[in-house]
Protein backbone atom coordinates (compact mmCIF):
# COMPACT_ATOMS: atom_id res chain seq x y z
CA UNK A 1 16.94 -1.05 1.80
CA UNK A 2 16.81 -3.91 4.42
CA UNK A 3 15.83 -7.25 2.96
CA UNK A 4 14.25 -10.04 5.06
CA UNK A 5 13.38 -13.33 3.43
CA UNK A 6 10.94 -15.93 4.89
CA UNK A 7 10.26 -19.57 4.27
CA UNK A 8 6.48 -19.10 4.76
CA UNK A 9 3.89 -16.31 4.53
CA UNK A 10 2.56 -16.87 8.10
CA UNK A 11 5.91 -15.86 9.61
CA UNK A 12 6.15 -12.96 7.20
CA UNK A 13 2.74 -11.74 8.18
CA UNK A 14 3.57 -11.85 11.92
CA UNK A 15 6.77 -9.79 11.40
CA UNK A 16 5.07 -7.35 9.13
CA UNK A 17 2.29 -6.83 11.77
CA UNK A 18 4.84 -6.61 14.51
CA UNK A 19 6.63 -3.82 12.68
CA UNK A 20 3.39 -1.84 12.06
CA UNK A 21 2.29 -2.23 15.58
CA UNK A 22 5.67 -1.27 17.02
CA UNK A 23 5.15 2.14 15.39
CA UNK A 24 1.77 2.47 17.18
CA UNK A 25 3.22 1.44 20.55
CA UNK A 26 5.90 3.97 20.18
CA UNK A 27 3.47 6.67 19.08
CA UNK A 28 -0.22 5.94 19.89
CA UNK A 29 -1.44 8.62 17.44
CA UNK A 30 0.69 7.40 14.62
CA UNK A 31 -0.14 7.95 11.00
CA UNK A 32 -0.14 4.63 9.08
CA UNK A 33 -0.19 4.38 5.30
CA UNK A 34 -2.42 1.40 4.33
CA UNK A 35 -2.47 -0.86 1.25
CA UNK A 36 -4.93 -3.27 -0.24
CA UNK A 37 -4.80 -6.41 -2.39
CA UNK A 38 -3.66 -9.85 -1.51
CA UNK A 39 -0.39 -9.08 0.22
CA UNK A 40 -1.65 -7.23 3.36
CA UNK A 41 -4.49 -9.53 4.31
CA UNK A 42 -2.45 -11.83 6.55
CA UNK A 43 -0.81 -8.97 8.37
CA UNK A 44 -4.07 -7.23 9.02
CA UNK A 45 -5.38 -10.59 10.45
CA UNK A 46 -2.36 -10.52 12.80
CA UNK A 47 -3.10 -6.93 13.83
CA UNK A 48 -6.69 -7.89 14.61
CA UNK A 49 -5.54 -10.92 16.60
CA UNK A 50 -3.29 -8.72 18.70
CA UNK A 51 -6.05 -6.24 19.35
CA UNK A 52 -8.48 -8.99 20.42
CA UNK A 53 -5.88 -10.40 22.75
CA UNK A 54 -5.66 -6.96 24.41
CA UNK A 55 -2.05 -6.36 23.32
CA UNK A 56 -2.69 -3.09 21.47
CA UNK A 57 -5.11 -0.28 20.95
CA UNK A 58 -5.72 1.75 17.71
CA UNK A 59 -7.95 4.37 19.26
CA UNK A 60 -5.69 7.27 18.29
CA UNK A 61 -4.25 5.89 15.11
CA UNK A 62 -4.87 7.73 11.85
CA UNK A 63 -4.63 5.94 8.52
CA UNK A 64 -4.41 7.01 4.89
CA UNK A 65 -4.94 4.55 2.09
CA UNK A 66 -2.84 4.52 -1.08
CA UNK A 67 -5.75 4.45 -3.56
CA UNK A 68 -9.28 3.76 -4.60
CA UNK A 69 -11.07 2.77 -7.79
CA UNK A 70 -12.98 5.50 -9.66
CA UNK A 71 -16.69 4.99 -10.20
CA UNK A 72 -16.93 1.91 -7.93
CA UNK A 73 -19.66 2.24 -5.26
CA UNK A 74 -18.15 2.62 -1.81
CA UNK A 75 -20.40 -0.25 -0.71
CA UNK A 76 -19.14 -2.61 -3.46
CA UNK A 77 -17.23 -5.43 -1.90
CA UNK A 78 -14.20 -4.71 -4.00
CA UNK A 79 -13.98 -1.01 -3.22
CA UNK A 80 -10.86 -0.32 -1.16
CA UNK A 81 -12.99 1.24 1.59
CA UNK A 82 -15.03 -1.99 1.82
CA UNK A 83 -11.74 -3.98 1.78
CA UNK A 84 -10.35 -1.97 4.75
CA UNK A 85 -13.49 -2.22 6.72
CA UNK A 86 -13.78 -6.01 6.09
CA UNK A 87 -10.19 -6.90 6.83
CA UNK A 88 -9.19 -4.42 9.52
CA UNK A 89 -11.28 -1.42 10.62
CA UNK A 90 -14.44 -3.34 11.56
CA UNK A 91 -12.47 -5.55 13.96
CA UNK A 92 -10.38 -3.00 15.96
CA UNK A 93 -11.07 0.07 18.05
CA UNK A 94 -10.00 2.63 15.48
CA UNK A 95 -12.10 5.74 15.15
CA UNK A 96 -13.65 5.58 11.61
CA UNK A 97 -13.24 9.38 11.30
CA UNK A 98 -9.48 8.80 11.46
CA UNK A 99 -9.47 6.46 8.52
CA UNK A 100 -8.96 8.05 5.17
CA UNK A 101 -9.55 6.56 1.69
CA UNK A 102 -9.76 8.67 -1.50
CA UNK A 103 -13.29 9.19 -2.76
CA UNK A 104 -13.35 7.64 -6.16
CA UNK A 105 -17.01 8.86 -6.65
CA UNK A 106 -16.35 12.55 -6.06
CA UNK A 107 -18.04 14.87 -8.51
CA UNK A 108 -14.80 16.70 -8.98
CA UNK A 109 -11.92 14.07 -8.88
CA UNK A 110 -9.19 16.79 -9.31
CA UNK A 111 -10.57 18.65 -6.26
CA UNK A 112 -10.74 15.42 -4.36
CA UNK A 113 -7.08 14.71 -5.04
CA UNK A 114 -6.21 18.19 -3.80
CA UNK A 115 -8.30 17.63 -0.69
CA UNK A 116 -6.68 14.28 0.02
CA UNK A 117 -3.16 15.73 -0.30
CA UNK A 118 -4.12 18.56 2.10
CA UNK A 119 -5.38 16.18 4.72
CA UNK A 120 -2.32 13.96 4.28
CA UNK A 121 0.15 16.76 4.66
CA UNK A 122 -1.71 18.35 7.58
CA UNK A 123 -1.71 15.13 9.60
CA UNK A 124 1.45 13.59 8.24
CA UNK A 125 4.11 12.70 7.51
CA UNK A 126 3.14 9.07 7.50
CA UNK A 127 5.13 7.17 10.13
CA UNK A 128 5.08 3.88 8.21
CA UNK A 129 3.85 3.38 4.72
CA UNK A 130 2.80 -0.24 3.90
CA UNK A 131 3.22 -1.16 0.21
CA UNK A 132 2.74 -4.02 -2.14
CA UNK A 133 4.13 -4.20 -5.61
CA UNK A 134 2.40 -4.99 -8.95
CA UNK A 135 3.79 -7.35 -11.56
CA UNK A 136 4.70 -4.40 -13.73
CA UNK A 137 6.32 -2.55 -10.85
CA UNK A 138 3.50 -0.20 -10.00
CA UNK A 139 3.32 1.19 -6.43
CA UNK A 140 -0.18 2.14 -5.35
CA UNK A 141 -1.61 2.72 -8.81
CA UNK A 142 1.38 4.69 -10.07
CA UNK A 143 1.74 2.81 -13.37
CA UNK A 144 4.91 2.63 -15.50
CA UNK A 145 5.14 5.78 -17.67
CA UNK A 146 7.66 8.32 -18.97
CA UNK A 147 6.83 10.61 -16.02
CA UNK A 148 5.21 10.07 -12.67
CA UNK A 149 2.97 12.41 -10.64
CA UNK A 150 4.27 13.72 -7.26
CA UNK A 151 0.76 14.22 -5.72
CA UNK A 152 -2.53 12.32 -5.53
CA UNK A 153 -4.01 12.01 -9.02
CA UNK A 154 -6.44 10.14 -11.30
CA UNK A 155 -4.77 7.35 -13.36
CA UNK A 156 -5.82 5.07 -16.24
CA UNK A 157 -5.08 1.57 -15.24
CA UNK A 158 -2.86 -0.56 -17.52
CA UNK A 159 -4.51 -3.62 -19.02
CA UNK A 160 -2.13 -5.99 -17.20
CA UNK A 161 -3.07 -4.32 -13.94
CA UNK A 162 -6.73 -4.82 -14.68
CA UNK A 163 -6.01 -8.42 -15.72
CA UNK A 164 -4.21 -9.02 -12.48
CA UNK A 165 -7.16 -7.56 -10.45
CA UNK A 166 -9.72 -9.52 -12.39
CA UNK A 167 -9.53 -12.31 -9.87
CA UNK A 168 -11.47 -10.07 -7.45
CA UNK A 169 -14.32 -9.55 -9.87
CA UNK A 170 -16.62 -11.74 -11.94
CA UNK A 171 -15.07 -10.58 -15.25
CA UNK A 172 -12.59 -8.19 -16.74
CA UNK A 173 -15.43 -5.93 -17.83
CA UNK A 174 -16.27 -5.30 -14.11
CA UNK A 175 -12.70 -4.09 -13.26
CA UNK A 176 -12.64 -0.35 -13.18
CA UNK A 177 -10.59 1.40 -15.83
CA UNK A 178 -9.44 4.34 -13.58
CA UNK A 179 -8.35 4.96 -10.01
CA UNK A 180 -7.19 7.67 -7.67
CA UNK A 181 -3.79 7.09 -6.24
CA UNK A 182 -1.25 8.87 -3.99
CA UNK A 183 1.64 10.10 -6.01
CA UNK A 184 5.16 8.84 -5.71
CA UNK A 185 6.17 12.04 -3.92
CA UNK A 186 3.60 11.52 -1.19
CA UNK A 187 4.62 7.88 -0.81
CA UNK A 188 8.33 8.68 -0.61
CA UNK A 189 7.58 11.40 1.98
CA UNK A 190 6.79 8.64 4.57
CA UNK A 191 9.34 8.36 7.50
CA UNK A 192 9.64 4.56 6.81
CA UNK A 193 8.30 2.22 4.16
CA UNK A 194 7.36 -1.40 4.65
CA UNK A 195 7.34 -3.33 1.34
CA UNK A 196 5.58 -6.74 1.44
CA UNK A 197 6.04 -9.00 -1.62
CA UNK A 198 4.58 -12.47 -1.65
CA UNK A 199 4.80 -15.29 -4.25
CA UNK A 200 7.65 -16.41 -6.39
CA UNK A 201 5.92 -14.92 -9.46
CA UNK A 202 6.93 -11.51 -8.06
CA UNK A 203 10.68 -12.49 -7.79
CA UNK A 204 11.65 -10.92 -11.15
CA UNK A 205 9.96 -7.51 -10.44
CA UNK A 206 11.28 -7.50 -6.88
CA UNK A 207 14.78 -8.11 -8.19
CA UNK A 208 14.39 -5.15 -10.56
CA UNK A 209 13.10 -3.04 -7.64
CA UNK A 210 16.02 -3.85 -5.46
CA UNK A 211 18.88 -4.01 -8.02
CA UNK A 212 17.71 -2.47 -11.30
CA UNK A 213 18.28 1.08 -12.50
CA UNK A 214 15.91 3.79 -11.12
CA UNK A 215 13.41 4.41 -13.79
CA UNK A 216 9.81 5.68 -14.00
CA UNK A 217 9.15 2.62 -16.25
CA UNK A 218 9.42 0.57 -12.95
CA UNK A 219 7.95 2.92 -10.40
CA UNK A 220 9.00 0.64 -7.50
CA UNK A 221 12.68 1.31 -8.27
CA UNK A 222 12.15 4.88 -6.84
CA UNK A 223 12.09 3.21 -3.47
CA UNK A 224 15.89 2.91 -3.77
CA UNK A 225 16.00 6.72 -3.10
CA UNK A 226 14.30 6.39 0.24
CA UNK A 227 16.51 6.23 3.41
CA UNK A 228 14.43 3.61 5.26
CA UNK A 229 12.79 0.83 3.36
CA UNK A 230 12.19 -2.65 4.87
CA UNK A 231 11.40 -5.38 2.48
CA UNK A 232 9.76 -8.59 3.62
CA UNK A 233 9.36 -11.43 1.06
CA UNK A 234 9.13 -15.13 0.60
CA UNK A 235 10.64 -14.69 -2.97
CA UNK A 236 14.05 -16.20 -3.75
CA UNK A 237 15.80 -12.94 -4.45
CA UNK A 238 18.91 -11.12 -3.21
CA UNK A 239 19.83 -7.55 -2.64
CA UNK A 240 23.01 -6.84 -4.43
CA UNK A 241 24.81 -4.20 -2.36
CA UNK A 242 27.58 -3.96 -4.93
CA UNK A 243 26.79 -3.32 -8.56
CA UNK A 244 30.41 -3.62 -9.75
């Protein structure tokens, strides 16, 4: 892992966007793995800004999102499809047919998971996978458990995850109880991973991610097994190269 610490989120967002866009400049039809939540909003704004300044085009880019809520209408403002349209896709020249988000309203969720994996592996591997991290160490919606799924699957959201996401809804009752998420195998198959972690309240879980033992009880620790992970944060943490 490569750790970069920043004094403010604005600088972090610019660097994160530059890293994502450098992949596109090197390969115009790159496959980007996209994330939702609070962490990527600023870097998406930077990508939109660069596009509007004529500095980059996303015409040939293909994207795959990590996850989507189950049972939430795609038009709901907190669906992850709506999030991506609002924060990025509606403001750049990407072909909407090249943007992929799991269908959380599919009649057959298991079949949808298989379809999503097939599309991902046909068009992949992902050139750069953008990630955030949950307070409990979840990646995508891969929650702490005794075992983790390799492929895209339906997951029951932990109560602390639902509580953390309550801020986007009117009440906890409105937060979906299930989601469809890429599995850890699919995530780790990406050529490179960009982990963006904001807020000092994430310092403890980031420290465990960087330095703790690899365990399915903290899914983010599996990132230690990947050969190319770039971590951008404003947290006061250190990457301990030696564990002696």
